[in-house]
Amino acid sequence: MTNFYRETCPTIKNILLLDSEGKRVAVKYYSDDWPTTGLKLAFEKSLFSKTQKTNARTEGMLKQKYYLHV
C-alpha cells in the first residue's frame, strides 16, 4: 500500500523563488535529484526559460502542469 501512495501522490522536490532575470532569491531542494550546485543551476535556468514568457493568467496552469509531470 505504501508504494501506491508514492506513485499517486505528488511530492514537492524543491521550492524556487527566482527574480525577473532568473537569478535565485530563495531556493530549497528536498530531494537528491540534483546532487550538485551545477545541476541545480541548470535546472533553475531551464525552468526559468520555460516560464519567463508566461502571463499571470496562465502562470498557475503552467506550474501545476509542470509539477504533475515531474
Protein backbone atom coordinates (compact mmCIF):
# COMPACT_ATOMS: atom_id res chain seq x y z
CA MET A 1 0.00 0.00 0.00
CA THR A 2 2.90 2.38 0.67
CA ASN A 3 4.13 2.16 -2.94
CA PHE A 4 0.66 3.11 -4.15
CA TYR A 5 0.83 6.41 -2.27
CA ARG A 6 4.33 7.17 -3.51
CA GLU A 7 3.28 6.62 -7.11
CA THR A 8 -0.02 8.50 -6.99
CA CYS A 9 0.60 11.37 -4.57
CA PRO A 10 2.58 14.34 -5.88
CA THR A 11 5.66 15.26 -3.88
CA ILE A 12 7.49 18.55 -3.52
CA LYS A 13 11.06 18.14 -4.67
CA ASN A 14 12.05 21.79 -4.45
CA ILE A 15 10.79 25.31 -3.96
CA LEU A 16 12.25 28.06 -6.11
CA LEU A 17 11.86 31.81 -5.97
CA LEU A 18 13.62 33.44 -8.91
CA ASP A 19 13.76 37.13 -9.78
CA SER A 20 12.77 38.62 -13.14
CA GLU A 21 16.19 37.72 -14.57
CA GLY A 22 16.13 34.12 -13.40
CA LYS A 23 18.55 34.64 -10.51
CA ARG A 24 17.99 32.91 -7.17
CA VAL A 25 16.16 34.81 -4.49
CA ALA A 26 15.46 31.76 -2.34
CA VAL A 27 15.64 28.03 -3.06
CA LYS A 28 15.17 24.84 -1.09
CA TYR A 29 15.80 21.37 -2.51
CA TYR A 30 14.17 18.45 -0.69
CA SER A 31 15.46 15.64 -2.90
CA ASP A 32 18.80 14.49 -4.24
CA ASP A 33 17.63 14.56 -7.87
CA TRP A 34 20.05 17.45 -8.44
CA PRO A 35 23.12 16.49 -6.34
CA THR A 36 25.50 19.28 -7.42
CA THR A 37 25.17 23.04 -7.49
CA GLY A 38 25.83 22.99 -11.25
CA LEU A 39 22.88 20.67 -11.86
CA LYS A 40 20.65 22.79 -9.62
CA LEU A 41 21.58 25.97 -11.50
CA ALA A 42 20.99 24.26 -14.85
CA PHE A 43 17.54 23.12 -13.68
CA GLU A 44 16.69 26.62 -12.50
CA LYS A 45 17.81 28.12 -15.81
CA SER A 46 15.75 25.57 -17.73
CA LEU A 47 12.67 26.23 -15.62
CA PHE A 48 13.08 30.00 -15.97
CA SER A 49 13.40 29.77 -19.75
CA LYS A 50 10.12 27.79 -19.88
CA THR A 51 8.24 30.26 -17.69
CA GLN A 52 9.70 33.69 -18.47
CA LYS A 53 7.16 34.50 -21.18
CA THR A 54 4.06 33.40 -19.30
CA ASN A 55 1.45 35.89 -18.20
CA ALA A 56 -0.32 35.89 -14.85
CA ARG A 57 -3.38 34.10 -16.23
CA THR A 58 -1.53 31.03 -17.49
CA GLU A 59 1.32 31.02 -14.98
CA GLY A 60 -0.51 28.92 -12.38
CA MET A 61 -1.64 26.45 -15.02
CA LEU A 62 1.92 26.03 -16.29
CA LYS A 63 3.32 25.46 -12.81
CA GLN A 64 0.60 22.97 -11.99
CA LYS A 65 1.21 21.10 -15.24
CA TYR A 66 4.96 21.02 -14.58
CA TYR A 67 4.50 19.68 -11.05
CA LEU A 68 2.31 16.86 -12.29
CA HIS A 69 4.93 15.72 -14.80
CA VAL A 70 7.98 15.83 -12.52
